[in-house]
Amino acid sequence: MATKAAKKKTDAEGDLSENNLPTEAELLKMPESDYMNERQLGFFRDRLRQMEQEILSNAGETTEHLRETQFVPDPADRATIEEEHALELRTRDRERKLLKKVQQSIVRIDGGEYGWCEETGEPIGLRRLLARPTATLSLEAQERREMRQKMFGD
């Protein structure tokens, strides 16, 4: 897409080390012409990698926690522990799905597609990406999709 190539700019400062990444405030102050430049992409790549590491760390903790066998003679206590384990597993299942989206977003950054709506090709917007770094649709496209789902079912 021609607009993506035109909008991509090289970082004038060169290296995108962690201390050279913009803050959220600096990101929001950048002009629209800088949308998805190297500094912005570096910021989101770093944020997505942090999310990825956090999810993987949580998964490891859950595995260790579930390996700990506890013999509890009281049925009520045993039921409570089983319910806690079930809740933890549901949470990890949601995180597993999020991990897949995070990894896909990193691939989109590497492929130059990150920050652009899959449906319309328009910018998703920095505020939306800050709130949901794995977003693949602009707010308007997401609302249309949700409306169609509501009207016609999944």
N, C-alpha and C. Protein backbone atom coordinates (compact mmCIF):
# COMPACT_ATOMS: atom_id res chain seq x y z
N MET A 1 0.85 -1.18 0.00
CA MET A 1 0.00 0.00 0.00
C MET A 1 0.89 1.24 0.00
N ALA A 2 0.67 2.10 -0.93
CA ALA A 2 1.53 3.26 -1.13
C ALA A 2 1.55 4.20 0.07
N THR A 3 0.40 4.39 0.72
CA THR A 3 0.36 5.32 1.84
C THR A 3 1.22 4.84 2.99
N LYS A 4 1.31 3.54 3.18
CA LYS A 4 2.12 3.00 4.27
C LYS A 4 3.59 3.31 4.03
N ALA A 5 4.02 3.07 2.80
CA ALA A 5 5.43 3.34 2.48
C ALA A 5 5.74 4.82 2.60
N ALA A 6 4.81 5.65 2.16
CA ALA A 6 5.02 7.09 2.24
C ALA A 6 5.04 7.57 3.68
N LYS A 7 4.22 6.96 4.54
CA LYS A 7 4.13 7.40 5.93
C LYS A 7 5.31 6.92 6.77
N LYS A 8 5.93 5.79 6.37
CA LYS A 8 7.05 5.27 7.14
C LYS A 8 8.24 6.20 6.98
N LYS A 9 8.80 6.59 8.07
CA LYS A 9 9.98 7.45 8.04
C LYS A 9 11.09 6.76 8.80
N THR A 10 12.28 7.06 8.44
CA THR A 10 13.40 6.50 9.18
C THR A 10 13.64 7.38 10.40
N ASP A 11 14.05 6.73 11.45
CA ASP A 11 14.34 7.46 12.67
C ASP A 11 15.60 8.29 12.49
N ALA A 12 15.48 9.58 12.64
CA ALA A 12 16.61 10.49 12.43
C ALA A 12 17.72 10.23 13.45
N GLU A 13 17.33 9.73 14.63
CA GLU A 13 18.32 9.51 15.66
C GLU A 13 19.00 8.15 15.54
N GLY A 14 18.58 7.36 14.57
CA GLY A 14 19.23 6.07 14.34
C GLY A 14 18.71 4.99 15.26
N ASP A 15 19.53 4.56 16.20
CA ASP A 15 19.26 3.44 17.09
C ASP A 15 17.95 3.60 17.85
N LEU A 16 17.19 2.52 17.91
CA LEU A 16 15.93 2.55 18.66
C LEU A 16 16.09 1.76 19.95
N SER A 17 17.10 2.06 20.71
CA SER A 17 17.28 1.39 21.98
C SER A 17 16.13 1.78 22.91
N GLU A 18 16.00 1.02 23.97
CA GLU A 18 14.88 1.22 24.89
C GLU A 18 14.80 2.64 25.43
N ASN A 19 15.96 3.26 25.71
CA ASN A 19 15.94 4.61 26.26
C ASN A 19 15.66 5.66 25.18
N ASN A 20 15.66 5.27 23.92
CA ASN A 20 15.37 6.19 22.82
C ASN A 20 13.90 6.11 22.40
N LEU A 21 13.15 5.17 22.96
CA LEU A 21 11.75 5.02 22.60
C LEU A 21 10.94 6.17 23.19
N PRO A 22 9.94 6.65 22.46
CA PRO A 22 9.12 7.74 22.99
C PRO A 22 8.23 7.27 24.14
N THR A 23 7.83 8.19 24.97
CA THR A 23 6.83 7.90 26.00
C THR A 23 5.46 7.99 25.35
N GLU A 24 4.43 7.58 26.07
CA GLU A 24 3.07 7.70 25.54
C GLU A 24 2.75 9.15 25.21
N ALA A 25 3.13 10.06 26.11
CA ALA A 25 2.85 11.49 25.89
C ALA A 25 3.56 12.00 24.64
N GLU A 26 4.83 11.62 24.47
CA GLU A 26 5.57 12.04 23.27
C GLU A 26 4.95 11.44 22.01
N LEU A 27 4.49 10.22 22.13
CA LEU A 27 3.85 9.55 21.00
C LEU A 27 2.62 10.32 20.54
N LEU A 28 1.81 10.73 21.51
CA LEU A 28 0.57 11.44 21.19
C LEU A 28 0.82 12.85 20.67
N LYS A 29 1.98 13.43 21.00
CA LYS A 29 2.30 14.78 20.53
C LYS A 29 2.86 14.79 19.11
N MET A 30 3.24 13.62 18.60
CA MET A 30 3.83 13.56 17.26
C MET A 30 2.79 13.95 16.22
N PRO A 31 3.23 14.61 15.15
CA PRO A 31 2.29 14.99 14.09
C PRO A 31 1.76 13.77 13.35
N GLU A 32 0.58 13.92 12.74
CA GLU A 32 -0.04 12.81 12.01
C GLU A 32 0.87 12.30 10.90
N SER A 33 1.70 13.18 10.34
CA SER A 33 2.60 12.76 9.26
C SER A 33 3.64 11.74 9.74
N ASP A 34 3.84 11.64 11.07
CA ASP A 34 4.79 10.68 11.63
C ASP A 34 4.15 9.35 11.97
N TYR A 35 2.88 9.16 11.60
CA TYR A 35 2.15 7.94 11.98
C TYR A 35 2.90 6.69 11.53
N MET A 36 3.15 5.82 12.47
CA MET A 36 3.83 4.54 12.30
C MET A 36 5.24 4.69 11.73
N ASN A 37 5.92 5.74 12.20
CA ASN A 37 7.34 5.86 11.86
C ASN A 37 8.13 4.86 12.71
N GLU A 38 9.42 4.81 12.53
CA GLU A 38 10.24 3.81 13.21
C GLU A 38 10.18 3.94 14.73
N ARG A 39 10.12 5.15 15.25
CA ARG A 39 10.06 5.33 16.71
C ARG A 39 8.74 4.82 17.27
N GLN A 40 7.65 5.09 16.57
CA GLN A 40 6.34 4.59 17.02
C GLN A 40 6.29 3.07 16.93
N LEU A 41 6.78 2.53 15.83
CA LEU A 41 6.81 1.07 15.69
C LEU A 41 7.68 0.44 16.77
N GLY A 42 8.81 1.08 17.10
CA GLY A 42 9.68 0.59 18.16
C GLY A 42 8.97 0.60 19.50
N PHE A 43 8.21 1.67 19.76
CA PHE A 43 7.45 1.76 21.00
C PHE A 43 6.47 0.60 21.12
N PHE A 44 5.70 0.35 20.06
CA PHE A 44 4.70 -0.72 20.11
C PHE A 44 5.34 -2.10 20.11
N ARG A 45 6.44 -2.28 19.41
CA ARG A 45 7.14 -3.57 19.44
C ARG A 45 7.59 -3.86 20.86
N ASP A 46 8.16 -2.84 21.53
CA ASP A 46 8.61 -3.00 22.91
C ASP A 46 7.43 -3.33 23.83
N ARG A 47 6.33 -2.62 23.67
CA ARG A 47 5.15 -2.87 24.51
C ARG A 47 4.61 -4.28 24.28
N LEU A 48 4.55 -4.71 23.03
CA LEU A 48 4.04 -6.05 22.72
C LEU A 48 4.98 -7.13 23.24
N ARG A 49 6.27 -6.90 23.15
CA ARG A 49 7.23 -7.89 23.69
C ARG A 49 7.11 -7.99 25.22
N GLN A 50 6.88 -6.85 25.88
CA GLN A 50 6.66 -6.89 27.33
C GLN A 50 5.40 -7.68 27.67
N MET A 51 4.34 -7.46 26.90
CA MET A 51 3.10 -8.22 27.12
C MET A 51 3.35 -9.72 26.92
N GLU A 52 4.09 -10.05 25.87
CA GLU A 52 4.40 -11.44 25.57
C GLU A 52 5.16 -12.09 26.73
N GLN A 53 6.17 -11.39 27.24
CA GLN A 53 6.95 -11.93 28.36
C GLN A 53 6.10 -12.10 29.62
N GLU A 54 5.22 -11.15 29.87
CA GLU A 54 4.36 -11.23 31.04
C GLU A 54 3.41 -12.42 30.95
N ILE A 55 2.84 -12.64 29.78
CA ILE A 55 1.92 -13.77 29.58
C ILE A 55 2.67 -15.08 29.75
N LEU A 56 3.86 -15.19 29.17
CA LEU A 56 4.65 -16.41 29.29
C LEU A 56 5.06 -16.66 30.73
N SER A 57 5.40 -15.60 31.44
CA SER A 57 5.76 -15.72 32.85
C SER A 57 4.57 -16.21 33.67
N ASN A 58 3.38 -15.65 33.41
CA ASN A 58 2.17 -16.08 34.11
C ASN A 58 1.87 -17.55 33.84
N ALA A 59 2.09 -17.98 32.61
CA ALA A 59 1.83 -19.37 32.26
C ALA A 59 2.76 -20.30 33.04
N GLY A 60 4.01 -19.88 33.15
CA GLY A 60 4.98 -20.68 33.91
C GLY A 60 4.60 -20.77 35.39
N GLU A 61 4.15 -19.65 35.94
CA GLU A 61 3.73 -19.65 37.35
C GLU A 61 2.52 -20.55 37.55
N THR A 62 1.59 -20.53 36.62
CA THR A 62 0.40 -21.38 36.73
C THR A 62 0.80 -22.84 36.68
N THR A 63 1.71 -23.18 35.78
CA THR A 63 2.15 -24.57 35.67
C THR A 63 2.76 -25.02 36.99
N GLU A 64 3.62 -24.20 37.56
CA GLU A 64 4.23 -24.55 38.85
C GLU A 64 3.16 -24.66 39.94
N HIS A 65 2.22 -23.74 39.95
CA HIS A 65 1.19 -23.73 40.97
C HIS A 65 0.32 -24.98 40.88
N LEU A 66 -0.01 -25.39 39.67
CA LEU A 66 -0.86 -26.57 39.50
C LEU A 66 -0.11 -27.86 39.80
N ARG A 67 1.20 -27.84 39.67
CA ARG A 67 2.01 -29.03 39.99
C ARG A 67 2.07 -29.29 41.48
N GLU A 68 1.90 -28.24 42.26
CA GLU A 68 1.92 -28.39 43.71
C GLU A 68 0.69 -29.18 44.13
N THR A 69 0.91 -30.41 44.56
CA THR A 69 -0.23 -31.24 44.98
C THR A 69 -0.48 -30.99 46.45
N GLN A 70 -1.71 -30.73 46.73
CA GLN A 70 -2.10 -30.48 48.11
C GLN A 70 -3.13 -31.54 48.51
N PHE A 71 -2.82 -32.23 49.59
CA PHE A 71 -3.81 -33.17 50.10
C PHE A 71 -4.63 -32.44 51.16
N VAL A 72 -5.90 -32.28 50.84
CA VAL A 72 -6.79 -31.57 51.75
C VAL A 72 -7.95 -32.51 52.07
N PRO A 73 -8.04 -32.93 53.31
CA PRO A 73 -9.10 -33.89 53.65
C PRO A 73 -10.51 -33.28 53.64
N ASP A 74 -10.63 -32.02 53.91
CA ASP A 74 -11.94 -31.39 53.98
C ASP A 74 -12.50 -31.18 52.56
N PRO A 75 -13.66 -31.73 52.24
CA PRO A 75 -14.24 -31.59 50.89
C PRO A 75 -14.51 -30.13 50.49
N ALA A 76 -14.89 -29.30 51.44
CA ALA A 76 -15.15 -27.89 51.13
C ALA A 76 -13.86 -27.18 50.73
N ASP A 77 -12.79 -27.45 51.45
CA ASP A 77 -11.50 -26.86 51.11
C ASP A 77 -11.01 -27.37 49.76
N ARG A 78 -11.20 -28.67 49.51
CA ARG A 78 -10.79 -29.26 48.24
C ARG A 78 -11.57 -28.62 47.09
N ALA A 79 -12.86 -28.41 47.29
CA ALA A 79 -13.69 -27.78 46.26
C ALA A 79 -13.23 -26.35 46.00
N THR A 80 -12.87 -25.64 47.04
CA THR A 80 -12.37 -24.27 46.88
C THR A 80 -11.09 -24.25 46.06
N ILE A 81 -10.17 -25.17 46.38
CA ILE A 81 -8.90 -25.25 45.65
C ILE A 81 -9.16 -25.60 44.19
N GLU A 82 -10.06 -26.54 43.93
CA GLU A 82 -10.38 -26.92 42.55
C GLU A 82 -11.01 -25.76 41.79
N GLU A 83 -11.85 -25.00 42.46
CA GLU A 83 -12.46 -23.83 41.81
C GLU A 83 -11.41 -22.77 41.49
N GLU A 84 -10.48 -22.56 42.40
CA GLU A 84 -9.38 -21.62 42.14
C GLU A 84 -8.54 -22.07 40.96
N HIS A 85 -8.27 -23.37 40.88
CA HIS A 85 -7.50 -23.90 39.75
C HIS A 85 -8.27 -23.72 38.44
N ALA A 86 -9.57 -23.96 38.47
CA ALA A 86 -10.39 -23.80 37.26
C ALA A 86 -10.38 -22.34 36.81
N LEU A 87 -10.50 -21.42 37.75
CA LEU A 87 -10.47 -19.99 37.42
C LEU A 87 -9.11 -19.61 36.83
N GLU A 88 -8.05 -20.12 37.44
CA GLU A 88 -6.71 -19.83 36.94
C GLU A 88 -6.52 -20.38 35.53
N LEU A 89 -7.04 -21.56 35.27
CA LEU A 89 -6.93 -22.15 33.93
C LEU A 89 -7.74 -21.36 32.89
N ARG A 90 -8.90 -20.87 33.28
CA ARG A 90 -9.68 -20.04 32.35
C ARG A 90 -8.94 -18.74 32.03
N THR A 91 -8.33 -18.16 33.06
CA THR A 91 -7.55 -16.94 32.85
C THR A 91 -6.38 -17.21 31.91
N ARG A 92 -5.67 -18.31 32.11
CA ARG A 92 -4.54 -18.65 31.24
C ARG A 92 -5.01 -18.95 29.82
N ASP A 93 -6.21 -19.51 29.66
CA ASP A 93 -6.73 -19.76 28.32
C ASP A 93 -6.97 -18.44 27.59
N ARG A 94 -7.52 -17.45 28.30
CA ARG A 94 -7.70 -16.12 27.70
C ARG A 94 -6.34 -15.52 27.34
N GLU A 95 -5.37 -15.69 28.23
CA GLU A 95 -4.04 -15.16 27.97
C GLU A 95 -3.38 -15.88 26.79
N ARG A 96 -3.66 -17.18 26.64
CA ARG A 96 -3.11 -17.93 25.51
C ARG A 96 -3.62 -17.33 24.20
N LYS A 97 -4.91 -16.99 24.17
CA LYS A 97 -5.49 -16.37 22.98
C LYS A 97 -4.88 -14.98 22.75
N LEU A 98 -4.68 -14.24 23.84
CA LEU A 98 -4.06 -12.91 23.73
C LEU A 98 -2.62 -13.04 23.25
N LEU A 99 -1.90 -14.06 23.73
CA LEU A 99 -0.52 -14.27 23.31
C LEU A 99 -0.44 -14.45 21.79
N LYS A 100 -1.37 -15.19 21.24
CA LYS A 100 -1.40 -15.40 19.80
C LYS A 100 -1.58 -14.05 19.08
N LYS A 101 -2.49 -13.20 19.59
CA LYS A 101 -2.71 -11.88 18.99
C LYS A 101 -1.49 -10.99 19.13
N VAL A 102 -0.82 -11.08 20.28
CA VAL A 102 0.39 -10.28 20.51
C VAL A 102 1.46 -10.69 19.50
N GLN A 103 1.65 -11.99 19.34
CA GLN A 103 2.67 -12.47 18.40
C GLN A 103 2.32 -12.10 16.96
N GLN A 104 1.04 -12.14 16.61
CA GLN A 104 0.62 -11.72 15.28
C GLN A 104 0.87 -10.22 15.08
N SER A 105 0.67 -9.44 16.12
CA SER A 105 0.92 -7.99 16.03
C SER A 105 2.40 -7.71 15.81
N ILE A 106 3.27 -8.46 16.46
CA ILE A 106 4.71 -8.29 16.26
C ILE A 106 5.07 -8.62 14.81
N VAL A 107 4.46 -9.67 14.27
CA VAL A 107 4.69 -10.02 12.86
C VAL A 107 4.18 -8.90 11.95
N ARG A 108 3.05 -8.30 12.31
CA ARG A 108 2.50 -7.18 11.51
C ARG A 108 3.47 -5.99 11.55
N ILE A 109 4.10 -5.74 12.69
CA ILE A 109 5.09 -4.66 12.77
C ILE A 109 6.24 -4.96 11.81
N ASP A 110 6.75 -6.18 11.88
CA ASP A 110 7.88 -6.56 11.03
C ASP A 110 7.51 -6.51 9.55
N GLY A 111 6.23 -6.75 9.24
CA GLY A 111 5.78 -6.73 7.86
C GLY A 111 5.29 -5.38 7.37
N GLY A 112 5.32 -4.36 8.24
CA GLY A 112 4.89 -3.02 7.84
C GLY A 112 3.39 -2.84 7.79
N GLU A 113 2.63 -3.76 8.38
CA GLU A 113 1.17 -3.69 8.35
C GLU A 113 0.58 -3.16 9.67
N TYR A 114 1.39 -3.05 10.69
CA TYR A 114 0.89 -2.67 12.01
C TYR A 114 0.38 -1.23 12.01
N GLY A 115 -0.76 -1.02 12.66
CA GLY A 115 -1.31 0.33 12.80
C GLY A 115 -2.30 0.68 11.71
N TRP A 116 -2.48 -0.23 10.76
CA TRP A 116 -3.38 0.02 9.63
C TRP A 116 -4.53 -0.97 9.68
N CYS A 117 -5.74 -0.48 9.46
CA CYS A 117 -6.95 -1.30 9.53
C CYS A 117 -6.92 -2.38 8.45
N GLU A 118 -7.19 -3.61 8.86
CA GLU A 118 -7.22 -4.74 7.92
C GLU A 118 -8.34 -4.60 6.89
N GLU A 119 -9.45 -3.97 7.29
CA GLU A 119 -10.61 -3.83 6.39
C GLU A 119 -10.49 -2.64 5.45
N THR A 120 -10.12 -1.49 5.99
CA THR A 120 -10.18 -0.26 5.20
C THR A 120 -8.81 0.26 4.75
N GLY A 121 -7.74 -0.18 5.41
CA GLY A 121 -6.42 0.33 5.10
C GLY A 121 -6.14 1.68 5.73
N GLU A 122 -7.09 2.21 6.47
CA GLU A 122 -6.93 3.50 7.15
C GLU A 122 -6.14 3.32 8.45
N PRO A 123 -5.56 4.40 8.98
CA PRO A 123 -4.87 4.30 10.27
C PRO A 123 -5.82 3.89 11.38
N ILE A 124 -5.37 3.01 12.25
CA ILE A 124 -6.17 2.60 13.41
C ILE A 124 -6.18 3.73 14.44
N GLY A 125 -5.08 4.41 14.59
CA GLY A 125 -4.99 5.52 15.53
C GLY A 125 -4.16 5.17 16.75
N LEU A 126 -3.36 6.14 17.19
CA LEU A 126 -2.47 5.90 18.32
C LEU A 126 -3.23 5.64 19.62
N ARG A 127 -4.28 6.41 19.87
CA ARG A 127 -5.03 6.23 21.12
C ARG A 127 -5.61 4.82 21.21
N ARG A 128 -6.17 4.34 20.12
CA ARG A 128 -6.74 2.98 20.11
C ARG A 128 -5.63 1.94 20.31
N LEU A 129 -4.50 2.13 19.65
CA LEU A 129 -3.41 1.17 19.79
C LEU A 129 -2.79 1.21 21.19
N LEU A 130 -2.80 2.37 21.81
CA LEU A 130 -2.31 2.44 23.19
C LEU A 130 -3.25 1.67 24.12
N ALA A 131 -4.55 1.78 23.86
CA ALA A 131 -5.53 1.09 24.70
C ALA A 131 -5.55 -0.41 24.39
N ARG A 132 -5.39 -0.76 23.11
CA ARG A 132 -5.43 -2.16 22.68
C ARG A 132 -4.35 -2.37 21.62
N PRO A 133 -3.13 -2.69 22.06
CA PRO A 133 -2.02 -2.80 21.12
C PRO A 133 -2.19 -3.90 20.06
N THR A 134 -3.12 -4.82 20.28
CA THR A 134 -3.32 -5.90 19.31
C THR A 134 -4.44 -5.60 18.32
N ALA A 135 -4.98 -4.37 18.34
CA ALA A 135 -6.09 -4.02 17.45
C ALA A 135 -5.66 -4.14 15.99
N THR A 136 -6.56 -4.71 15.18
CA THR A 136 -6.29 -4.84 13.75
C THR A 136 -7.31 -4.06 12.92
N LEU A 137 -8.31 -3.50 13.59
CA LEU A 137 -9.35 -2.74 12.92
C LEU A 137 -9.46 -1.35 13.52
N SER A 138 -9.80 -0.38 12.69
CA SER A 138 -10.07 0.96 13.20
C SER A 138 -11.34 0.88 14.04
N LEU A 139 -11.58 1.89 14.83
CA LEU A 139 -12.75 1.90 15.69
C LEU A 139 -14.03 1.77 14.88
N GLU A 140 -14.11 2.49 13.77
CA GLU A 140 -15.31 2.45 12.92
C GLU A 140 -15.52 1.06 12.32
N ALA A 141 -14.45 0.44 11.83
CA ALA A 141 -14.55 -0.90 11.25
C ALA A 141 -14.93 -1.92 12.31
N GLN A 142 -14.40 -1.77 13.52
CA GLN A 142 -14.74 -2.68 14.62
C GLN A 142 -16.22 -2.54 14.99
N GLU A 143 -16.71 -1.29 15.04
CA GLU A 143 -18.12 -1.07 15.35
C GLU A 143 -19.01 -1.68 14.28
N ARG A 144 -18.64 -1.53 13.00
CA ARG A 144 -19.42 -2.15 11.92
C ARG A 144 -19.44 -3.67 12.06
N ARG A 145 -18.28 -4.25 12.37
CA ARG A 145 -18.20 -5.71 12.53
C ARG A 145 -19.08 -6.18 13.68
N GLU A 146 -19.04 -5.46 14.80
CA GLU A 146 -19.87 -5.83 15.95
C GLU A 146 -21.35 -5.69 15.63
N MET A 147 -21.71 -4.66 14.87
CA MET A 147 -23.10 -4.47 14.48
C MET A 147 -23.57 -5.62 13.59
N ARG A 148 -22.74 -6.03 12.63
CA ARG A 148 -23.09 -7.17 11.77
C ARG A 148 -23.24 -8.44 12.59
N GLN A 149 -22.34 -8.65 13.54
CA GLN A 149 -22.43 -9.84 14.39
C GLN A 149 -23.70 -9.83 15.21
N LYS A 150 -24.06 -8.66 15.69
CA LYS A 150 -25.28 -8.53 16.49
C LYS A 150 -26.52 -8.81 15.65
N MET A 151 -26.50 -8.32 14.39
CA MET A 151 -27.66 -8.48 13.53
C MET A 151 -27.76 -9.89 12.94
N PHE A 152 -26.63 -10.47 12.57
CA PHE A 152 -26.65 -11.74 11.85
C PHE A 152 -26.07 -12.89 12.65
N GLY A 153 -25.66 -12.65 13.85
CA GLY A 153 -25.05 -13.70 14.67
C GLY A 153 -23.61 -13.88 14.31
N ASP A 154 -22.97 -14.83 14.96
CA ASP A 154 -21.54 -15.07 14.73
C ASP A 154 -21.39 -15.68 13.38
